[in-house]
N, C-alpha and C. Protein backbone atom coordinates (compact mmCIF):
# COMPACT_ATOMS: atom_id res chain seq x y z
N MET A 1 2.21 5.16 5.94
CA MET A 1 3.18 6.14 6.31
C MET A 1 2.53 7.52 5.89
N LYS A 2 2.45 8.46 6.88
CA LYS A 2 1.83 9.81 6.49
C LYS A 2 2.86 10.71 5.87
N LEU A 3 2.44 11.74 5.30
CA LEU A 3 3.24 12.79 4.53
C LEU A 3 4.30 13.28 5.46
N GLU A 4 3.86 13.74 6.66
CA GLU A 4 4.79 14.42 7.65
C GLU A 4 5.91 13.41 7.96
N GLU A 5 5.61 12.11 8.12
CA GLU A 5 6.62 11.14 8.49
C GLU A 5 7.64 10.96 7.36
N VAL A 6 7.10 11.08 6.01
CA VAL A 6 7.97 10.99 4.94
C VAL A 6 9.05 12.20 4.95
N LYS A 7 8.35 13.48 5.18
CA LYS A 7 9.35 14.64 5.19
C LYS A 7 10.34 14.54 6.35
N SER A 8 9.86 14.00 7.45
CA SER A 8 10.74 13.95 8.63
C SER A 8 11.93 12.94 8.22
N ALA A 9 11.58 11.79 7.71
CA ALA A 9 12.63 10.78 7.28
C ALA A 9 13.58 11.40 6.23
N LEU A 10 12.94 12.13 5.25
CA LEU A 10 13.75 12.78 4.27
C LEU A 10 14.80 13.80 4.81
N SER A 11 14.44 14.54 5.76
CA SER A 11 15.21 15.55 6.38
C SER A 11 16.52 14.88 7.00
N LYS A 12 16.57 13.71 7.26
CA LYS A 12 17.68 12.88 7.91
C LYS A 12 18.49 12.15 6.99
N LEU A 13 18.15 12.25 5.64
CA LEU A 13 18.86 11.45 4.60
C LEU A 13 19.72 12.24 3.77
N ASN A 14 20.82 11.57 3.29
CA ASN A 14 21.68 12.18 2.12
C ASN A 14 21.30 11.65 0.93
N THR A 15 20.67 10.44 0.76
CA THR A 15 20.20 9.90 -0.53
C THR A 15 18.89 9.30 -0.20
N ILE A 16 18.08 9.16 -1.34
CA ILE A 16 16.73 8.51 -1.30
C ILE A 16 16.92 7.10 -2.01
N ALA A 17 16.23 6.14 -1.23
CA ALA A 17 16.13 4.89 -1.87
C ALA A 17 14.89 4.29 -1.61
N PHE A 18 14.25 3.53 -2.62
CA PHE A 18 12.98 2.94 -2.45
C PHE A 18 13.21 1.51 -2.61
N LYS A 19 12.82 0.54 -1.68
CA LYS A 19 12.92 -0.84 -1.87
C LYS A 19 11.67 -1.52 -2.09
N LEU A 20 11.74 -2.31 -3.13
CA LEU A 20 10.43 -3.16 -3.58
C LEU A 20 10.25 -4.28 -2.58
N PRO A 21 8.91 -4.86 -2.62
CA PRO A 21 8.71 -5.99 -1.76
C PRO A 21 9.54 -7.12 -1.94
N ASN A 22 10.10 -7.27 -3.08
CA ASN A 22 10.97 -8.48 -3.38
C ASN A 22 12.41 -8.25 -2.85
N GLY A 23 12.68 -6.99 -2.34
CA GLY A 23 14.06 -6.78 -1.85
C GLY A 23 14.90 -5.92 -2.73
N ASN A 24 14.56 -5.90 -4.06
CA ASN A 24 15.29 -5.12 -4.95
C ASN A 24 14.96 -3.64 -4.79
N LEU A 25 16.13 -2.83 -5.03
CA LEU A 25 15.99 -1.35 -4.94
C LEU A 25 15.39 -0.84 -6.35
N VAL A 26 14.61 0.32 -6.14
CA VAL A 26 14.24 0.91 -7.42
C VAL A 26 15.52 1.57 -7.93
N PRO A 27 15.78 1.55 -9.14
CA PRO A 27 17.12 2.03 -9.65
C PRO A 27 17.21 3.52 -9.11
N ASN A 28 18.50 3.92 -8.74
CA ASN A 28 18.74 5.19 -8.11
C ASN A 28 18.60 6.41 -9.08
N HIS A 29 18.25 6.15 -10.38
CA HIS A 29 18.15 7.22 -11.25
C HIS A 29 16.60 7.54 -11.38
N PHE A 30 15.80 7.09 -10.53
CA PHE A 30 14.24 7.27 -10.58
C PHE A 30 14.05 8.78 -10.45
N HIS A 31 12.82 9.00 -10.97
CA HIS A 31 12.22 10.47 -10.95
C HIS A 31 10.96 10.26 -10.08
N VAL A 32 10.59 11.24 -9.22
CA VAL A 32 9.26 11.38 -8.70
C VAL A 32 8.51 12.26 -9.74
N THR A 33 7.67 11.71 -10.56
CA THR A 33 7.12 12.46 -11.68
C THR A 33 5.79 13.21 -11.21
N GLU A 34 5.17 12.76 -10.06
CA GLU A 34 4.01 13.23 -9.63
C GLU A 34 3.95 13.19 -8.16
N VAL A 35 3.51 14.14 -7.44
CA VAL A 35 3.00 14.30 -6.06
C VAL A 35 1.61 14.78 -6.18
N GLY A 36 0.66 14.11 -5.63
CA GLY A 36 -0.76 14.62 -5.83
C GLY A 36 -1.61 14.03 -4.73
N LYS A 37 -2.78 14.61 -4.68
CA LYS A 37 -3.85 14.08 -3.82
C LYS A 37 -4.86 13.38 -4.59
N ILE A 38 -5.23 12.12 -4.25
CA ILE A 38 -6.15 11.22 -4.86
C ILE A 38 -7.34 11.19 -3.97
N THR A 39 -8.61 11.52 -4.48
CA THR A 39 -9.82 11.34 -3.71
C THR A 39 -10.68 10.23 -4.36
N LYS A 40 -10.96 9.36 -3.58
CA LYS A 40 -11.84 8.27 -4.12
C LYS A 40 -13.10 8.27 -3.40
N HIS A 41 -14.22 8.52 -4.09
CA HIS A 41 -15.65 8.75 -3.57
C HIS A 41 -16.39 7.55 -4.25
N PHE A 42 -16.81 6.61 -3.45
CA PHE A 42 -17.50 5.37 -3.85
C PHE A 42 -18.43 4.81 -2.90
N ILE A 43 -19.19 3.77 -3.32
CA ILE A 43 -20.18 3.11 -2.60
C ILE A 43 -19.64 1.73 -2.55
N ASP A 44 -19.49 1.04 -1.38
CA ASP A 44 -19.07 -0.24 -1.16
C ASP A 44 -20.23 -1.24 -1.46
N CYS A 45 -19.89 -2.50 -1.43
CA CYS A 45 -20.91 -3.41 -1.85
C CYS A 45 -22.13 -3.63 -0.79
N GLY A 46 -21.88 -2.92 0.39
CA GLY A 46 -22.92 -2.92 1.36
C GLY A 46 -23.74 -1.79 1.35
N GLY A 47 -23.56 -0.83 0.40
CA GLY A 47 -24.18 0.43 0.09
C GLY A 47 -23.81 1.57 0.95
N THR A 48 -22.66 1.43 1.54
CA THR A 48 -22.17 2.51 2.45
C THR A 48 -21.25 3.47 1.53
N VAL A 49 -21.63 4.82 1.48
CA VAL A 49 -20.90 5.77 0.74
C VAL A 49 -19.64 6.00 1.49
N ARG A 50 -18.48 6.11 0.81
CA ARG A 50 -17.23 6.31 1.41
C ARG A 50 -16.40 7.35 0.62
N ASN A 51 -15.44 7.96 1.39
CA ASN A 51 -14.50 8.94 0.88
C ASN A 51 -13.15 8.59 1.32
N GLU A 52 -12.23 8.43 0.52
CA GLU A 52 -10.78 8.23 0.93
C GLU A 52 -9.94 9.16 0.15
N GLU A 53 -9.00 9.66 0.89
CA GLU A 53 -7.92 10.61 0.31
C GLU A 53 -6.59 10.10 0.66
N VAL A 54 -5.65 10.02 -0.33
CA VAL A 54 -4.28 9.73 0.00
C VAL A 54 -3.30 10.64 -0.89
N VAL A 55 -2.14 10.72 -0.51
CA VAL A 55 -1.10 11.47 -1.22
C VAL A 55 -0.52 10.36 -2.06
N ASN A 56 -0.25 10.72 -3.39
CA ASN A 56 0.30 9.77 -4.35
C ASN A 56 1.61 10.31 -4.78
N PHE A 57 2.63 9.47 -4.76
CA PHE A 57 3.86 9.57 -5.41
C PHE A 57 4.01 8.69 -6.56
N GLN A 58 4.33 9.21 -7.79
CA GLN A 58 4.70 8.29 -8.89
C GLN A 58 6.08 8.24 -9.09
N LEU A 59 6.68 7.06 -9.10
CA LEU A 59 8.07 6.93 -9.35
C LEU A 59 8.20 6.42 -10.82
N TRP A 60 9.21 6.89 -11.47
CA TRP A 60 9.41 6.61 -12.85
C TRP A 60 10.90 6.40 -13.16
N ASN A 61 11.30 5.44 -13.98
CA ASN A 61 12.69 5.38 -14.35
C ASN A 61 12.85 5.87 -15.70
N ALA A 62 13.95 6.75 -15.84
CA ALA A 62 14.07 7.34 -17.25
C ALA A 62 15.40 6.76 -17.73
N ASP A 63 15.75 7.21 -18.91
CA ASP A 63 17.09 6.77 -19.42
C ASP A 63 18.14 7.73 -18.91
N ASP A 64 17.83 8.65 -18.16
CA ASP A 64 18.66 9.68 -17.55
C ASP A 64 19.44 9.13 -16.37
N TYR A 65 20.55 8.27 -16.65
CA TYR A 65 21.30 7.57 -15.65
C TYR A 65 22.05 8.41 -14.68
N ASP A 66 22.29 9.80 -15.11
CA ASP A 66 23.00 10.60 -14.21
C ASP A 66 22.22 11.36 -13.31
N HIS A 67 20.83 11.27 -13.46
CA HIS A 67 19.89 12.04 -12.55
C HIS A 67 19.77 11.33 -11.21
N ARG A 68 19.94 12.11 -10.15
CA ARG A 68 19.63 11.56 -8.79
C ARG A 68 18.79 12.61 -8.11
N LEU A 69 17.49 12.09 -7.56
CA LEU A 69 16.74 13.06 -6.81
C LEU A 69 17.34 13.06 -5.36
N HIS A 70 17.49 14.29 -4.90
CA HIS A 70 18.22 14.44 -3.53
C HIS A 70 16.98 14.69 -2.52
N PRO A 71 17.14 14.32 -1.19
CA PRO A 71 16.14 14.49 -0.31
C PRO A 71 15.56 15.95 -0.24
N GLU A 72 16.31 17.03 -0.29
CA GLU A 72 15.90 18.41 -0.11
C GLU A 72 15.09 18.70 -1.34
N LYS A 73 15.38 18.22 -2.46
CA LYS A 73 14.48 18.47 -3.70
C LYS A 73 13.09 17.90 -3.47
N LEU A 74 13.10 16.59 -2.97
CA LEU A 74 11.70 15.92 -2.83
C LEU A 74 10.90 16.64 -1.78
N ILE A 75 11.61 17.11 -0.66
CA ILE A 75 10.88 17.87 0.31
C ILE A 75 10.27 19.26 -0.30
N HIS A 76 11.01 19.81 -1.18
CA HIS A 76 10.65 21.00 -1.86
C HIS A 76 9.38 20.63 -2.72
N ILE A 77 9.35 19.63 -3.46
CA ILE A 77 8.26 19.18 -4.32
C ILE A 77 6.92 18.93 -3.43
N ILE A 78 7.28 18.28 -2.20
CA ILE A 78 6.09 17.89 -1.30
C ILE A 78 5.57 19.23 -0.81
N GLU A 79 6.32 20.18 -0.34
CA GLU A 79 5.87 21.50 0.14
C GLU A 79 5.16 22.30 -0.88
N LEU A 80 5.64 22.31 -2.16
CA LEU A 80 4.88 22.96 -3.26
C LEU A 80 3.51 22.31 -3.43
N SER A 81 3.48 21.02 -3.44
CA SER A 81 2.32 20.26 -3.72
C SER A 81 1.28 20.57 -2.53
N ARG A 82 1.85 20.58 -1.31
CA ARG A 82 0.94 20.82 -0.15
C ARG A 82 0.29 22.25 -0.25
N LYS A 83 1.03 23.24 -0.61
CA LYS A 83 0.55 24.61 -0.74
C LYS A 83 -0.35 24.74 -2.02
N THR A 84 0.02 24.23 -3.11
CA THR A 84 -0.80 24.33 -4.35
C THR A 84 -2.10 23.60 -4.37
N LEU A 85 -1.97 22.35 -3.86
CA LEU A 85 -3.07 21.42 -3.92
C LEU A 85 -3.83 21.24 -2.66
N GLY A 86 -3.42 21.90 -1.52
CA GLY A 86 -4.05 21.86 -0.30
C GLY A 86 -4.01 20.39 0.35
N ILE A 87 -2.84 19.74 0.16
CA ILE A 87 -2.72 18.42 0.75
C ILE A 87 -2.44 18.45 2.31
N GLY A 88 -3.20 17.60 2.97
CA GLY A 88 -2.88 17.53 4.37
C GLY A 88 -1.91 16.43 4.68
N ASN A 89 -1.87 16.12 5.93
CA ASN A 89 -1.09 15.00 6.44
C ASN A 89 -1.72 13.64 6.13
N LEU A 90 -1.76 13.26 4.95
CA LEU A 90 -2.38 12.05 4.55
C LEU A 90 -1.50 10.84 4.40
N GLU A 91 -2.08 9.57 4.43
CA GLU A 91 -1.36 8.45 4.01
C GLU A 91 -0.73 8.59 2.67
N VAL A 92 0.46 8.00 2.48
CA VAL A 92 1.14 8.17 1.15
C VAL A 92 1.08 6.82 0.45
N GLU A 93 0.68 6.73 -0.68
CA GLU A 93 0.76 5.59 -1.61
C GLU A 93 1.74 5.81 -2.70
N VAL A 94 2.41 4.82 -3.22
CA VAL A 94 3.37 4.99 -4.29
C VAL A 94 3.01 4.19 -5.50
N GLU A 95 3.00 4.90 -6.71
CA GLU A 95 2.68 4.06 -7.96
C GLU A 95 4.17 3.83 -8.53
N TYR A 96 4.33 2.69 -9.06
CA TYR A 96 5.62 2.23 -9.69
C TYR A 96 5.28 1.24 -10.84
N GLN A 97 6.02 1.35 -11.99
CA GLN A 97 5.78 0.55 -13.13
C GLN A 97 6.41 -0.87 -12.91
N GLY A 98 5.36 -1.88 -12.83
CA GLY A 98 5.83 -3.22 -12.84
C GLY A 98 5.24 -3.78 -14.19
N GLN A 99 4.54 -4.87 -14.19
CA GLN A 99 3.99 -5.38 -15.41
C GLN A 99 2.76 -4.38 -15.80
N THR A 100 2.15 -3.74 -14.86
CA THR A 100 1.28 -2.69 -15.02
C THR A 100 1.64 -1.63 -14.03
N ILE A 101 0.80 -0.66 -13.84
CA ILE A 101 1.09 0.37 -12.78
C ILE A 101 0.64 -0.20 -11.44
N GLU A 102 1.70 -0.40 -10.58
CA GLU A 102 1.46 -1.02 -9.17
C GLU A 102 1.32 -0.03 -8.19
N LYS A 103 0.41 -0.25 -7.16
CA LYS A 103 0.30 0.73 -6.03
C LYS A 103 0.75 0.04 -4.87
N PHE A 104 1.57 0.82 -4.12
CA PHE A 104 2.20 0.24 -2.85
C PHE A 104 1.84 1.20 -1.65
N ALA A 105 1.81 0.66 -0.43
CA ALA A 105 1.85 1.49 0.72
C ALA A 105 3.24 1.81 0.98
N LEU A 106 3.64 2.71 1.92
CA LEU A 106 5.01 3.16 2.14
C LEU A 106 5.33 2.94 3.58
N ASP A 107 6.54 2.58 3.91
CA ASP A 107 7.01 2.36 5.19
C ASP A 107 8.51 2.90 5.20
N PHE A 108 9.22 2.86 6.22
CA PHE A 108 10.60 3.37 6.34
C PHE A 108 11.34 2.53 7.37
N ASP A 109 12.54 2.06 7.00
CA ASP A 109 13.42 1.20 7.87
C ASP A 109 14.61 1.93 8.50
N GLY A 110 14.60 3.24 8.35
CA GLY A 110 15.71 3.95 8.90
C GLY A 110 16.64 4.35 7.86
N THR A 111 16.64 3.58 6.73
CA THR A 111 17.64 3.81 5.48
C THR A 111 16.83 3.95 4.26
N ASN A 112 15.98 3.00 4.06
CA ASN A 112 15.24 2.84 2.73
C ASN A 112 13.74 3.17 2.98
N PHE A 113 13.13 3.85 2.01
CA PHE A 113 11.70 3.79 1.96
C PHE A 113 11.25 2.27 1.44
N LEU A 114 10.34 1.74 2.06
CA LEU A 114 9.89 0.37 1.78
C LEU A 114 8.51 0.54 1.00
N LEU A 115 8.50 0.00 -0.21
CA LEU A 115 7.26 -0.16 -0.92
C LEU A 115 6.58 -1.48 -0.38
N THR A 116 5.47 -1.36 0.27
CA THR A 116 4.75 -2.50 0.87
C THR A 116 3.48 -2.89 0.05
N THR A 117 3.23 -4.14 -0.02
CA THR A 117 2.17 -4.57 -0.76
C THR A 117 0.70 -4.12 -0.16
N LYS A 118 -0.16 -3.81 -1.08
CA LYS A 118 -1.54 -3.51 -0.58
C LYS A 118 -2.41 -4.78 -1.06
N GLN A 119 -3.63 -4.84 -0.39
CA GLN A 119 -4.51 -5.86 -0.71
C GLN A 119 -5.92 -5.40 -0.90
N THR A 120 -6.69 -6.06 -1.80
CA THR A 120 -8.01 -5.69 -1.85
C THR A 120 -8.79 -6.26 -0.70
N ASP A 121 -10.01 -5.77 -0.43
CA ASP A 121 -10.70 -6.29 0.69
C ASP A 121 -12.15 -5.86 0.56
N CYS A 122 -13.09 -6.64 1.07
CA CYS A 122 -14.47 -6.30 1.22
C CYS A 122 -14.64 -5.33 2.34
N LEU A 123 -15.17 -4.20 2.18
CA LEU A 123 -15.44 -3.34 3.41
C LEU A 123 -16.66 -3.40 3.99
N ALA A 124 -17.54 -4.36 3.58
CA ALA A 124 -18.85 -4.50 4.15
C ALA A 124 -19.14 -5.99 4.48
N LYS A 125 -18.14 -6.65 5.09
CA LYS A 125 -18.23 -8.10 5.20
C LYS A 125 -19.53 -8.46 6.16
N ASP A 126 -20.02 -7.58 7.03
CA ASP A 126 -21.04 -7.75 7.82
C ASP A 126 -22.43 -7.78 7.01
N ASN A 127 -22.45 -6.91 5.97
CA ASN A 127 -23.66 -6.87 5.09
C ASN A 127 -23.60 -7.93 3.95
N CYS A 128 -22.50 -8.53 3.67
CA CYS A 128 -22.42 -9.54 2.58
C CYS A 128 -22.48 -11.01 3.17
N GLY A 129 -22.47 -11.06 4.42
CA GLY A 129 -22.53 -12.51 5.05
C GLY A 129 -21.17 -13.10 5.08
N ILE A 130 -20.08 -12.32 4.90
CA ILE A 130 -18.69 -12.96 4.97
C ILE A 130 -18.29 -12.87 6.37
N PRO A 131 -17.84 -14.03 6.90
CA PRO A 131 -17.35 -14.09 8.32
C PRO A 131 -16.13 -13.36 8.36
N THR A 132 -15.90 -12.61 9.57
CA THR A 132 -14.61 -11.91 9.66
C THR A 132 -13.44 -12.80 9.93
N GLU A 133 -13.74 -14.08 10.44
CA GLU A 133 -12.75 -15.06 10.63
C GLU A 133 -13.39 -16.36 10.49
N LYS A 134 -12.63 -17.44 10.18
CA LYS A 134 -13.09 -18.79 9.99
C LYS A 134 -13.68 -19.18 11.34
N PRO A 135 -14.85 -19.86 11.24
CA PRO A 135 -15.41 -20.36 12.54
C PRO A 135 -14.52 -21.49 13.04
N LYS A 136 -14.37 -21.49 14.50
CA LYS A 136 -13.55 -22.44 15.06
C LYS A 136 -14.39 -23.63 15.41
N VAL A 137 -13.88 -24.87 15.07
CA VAL A 137 -14.61 -26.06 15.28
C VAL A 137 -13.80 -26.93 16.21
N LYS A 138 -14.48 -27.50 17.35
CA LYS A 138 -13.77 -28.32 18.26
C LYS A 138 -13.67 -29.72 17.65
N LEU A 139 -12.44 -30.27 17.81
CA LEU A 139 -12.22 -31.71 17.31
C LEU A 139 -13.08 -32.69 18.00
N SER A 140 -13.50 -32.44 19.18
CA SER A 140 -14.31 -33.41 19.93
C SER A 140 -15.69 -33.37 19.31
N GLU A 141 -16.13 -32.21 18.80
CA GLU A 141 -17.48 -32.24 18.10
C GLU A 141 -17.42 -32.90 16.81
N LEU A 142 -16.27 -32.97 16.15
CA LEU A 142 -16.24 -33.63 14.79
C LEU A 142 -16.28 -35.15 15.11
N GLN A 143 -15.75 -35.62 16.17
CA GLN A 143 -15.80 -36.96 16.50
C GLN A 143 -17.08 -37.55 16.83
N ASN A 144 -18.12 -36.62 17.24
CA ASN A 144 -19.42 -37.15 17.62
C ASN A 144 -20.24 -37.21 16.29
N THR A 145 -19.82 -36.74 15.18
CA THR A 145 -20.71 -36.83 13.97
C THR A 145 -20.40 -38.10 13.27
N GLN A 146 -21.37 -38.43 12.46
CA GLN A 146 -21.19 -39.74 11.76
C GLN A 146 -20.12 -39.59 10.74
N THR A 147 -19.24 -40.61 10.70
CA THR A 147 -18.17 -40.57 9.73
C THR A 147 -18.04 -42.04 9.09
N CYS A 148 -17.46 -42.04 8.04
CA CYS A 148 -17.21 -43.34 7.31
C CYS A 148 -16.08 -44.13 8.14
N THR A 149 -16.35 -45.40 8.26
CA THR A 149 -15.43 -46.23 8.83
C THR A 149 -14.72 -47.11 7.71
N PRO A 150 -13.54 -47.49 7.85
CA PRO A 150 -12.91 -48.33 6.73
C PRO A 150 -13.69 -49.65 6.50
N GLY A 151 -13.89 -49.91 5.20
CA GLY A 151 -14.67 -51.11 4.92
C GLY A 151 -16.16 -50.98 4.96
N SER A 152 -16.69 -49.90 5.32
CA SER A 152 -18.08 -49.71 5.36
C SER A 152 -18.82 -49.48 4.04
N GLY A 153 -17.97 -48.96 3.07
CA GLY A 153 -18.51 -48.76 1.71
C GLY A 153 -19.14 -47.35 1.52
N CYS A 154 -19.10 -46.56 2.52
CA CYS A 154 -19.67 -45.16 2.44
C CYS A 154 -18.84 -44.09 1.72
N CYS A 155 -17.56 -44.30 1.60
CA CYS A 155 -16.75 -43.37 0.96
C CYS A 155 -15.79 -43.94 -0.14
């Protein structure tokens, strides 16, 4: 989800809720402690230099159970961050404390922001010899190869 999509969704809400991948909601007394731009400059395993930029929201639960972040306040924080940090309309990722700091992609279902899982991946599969998908084998070809037969003692 891009930053402008987040702002658009926020402008239509009275309350903000984030839903974890397991279906539980982040406690409604959460704080957004950071809105920032993260730049990752790296070389993948195939030797390609890459640059990635994302907007990062960090959610944090405090013992402040009376605190509620309202949509207009988060829009203000986003606008201040855009102006101060020069943030463009980038993809948004969200950090949230699980057993460690967990990173999620963001989606929206019309009511809740959905924290969706992210996966690691090889970005240079063609250079590493990793097939993009498993090769398909015809069963008819398998039947033509030598196989063990019951009682032959080969297996």
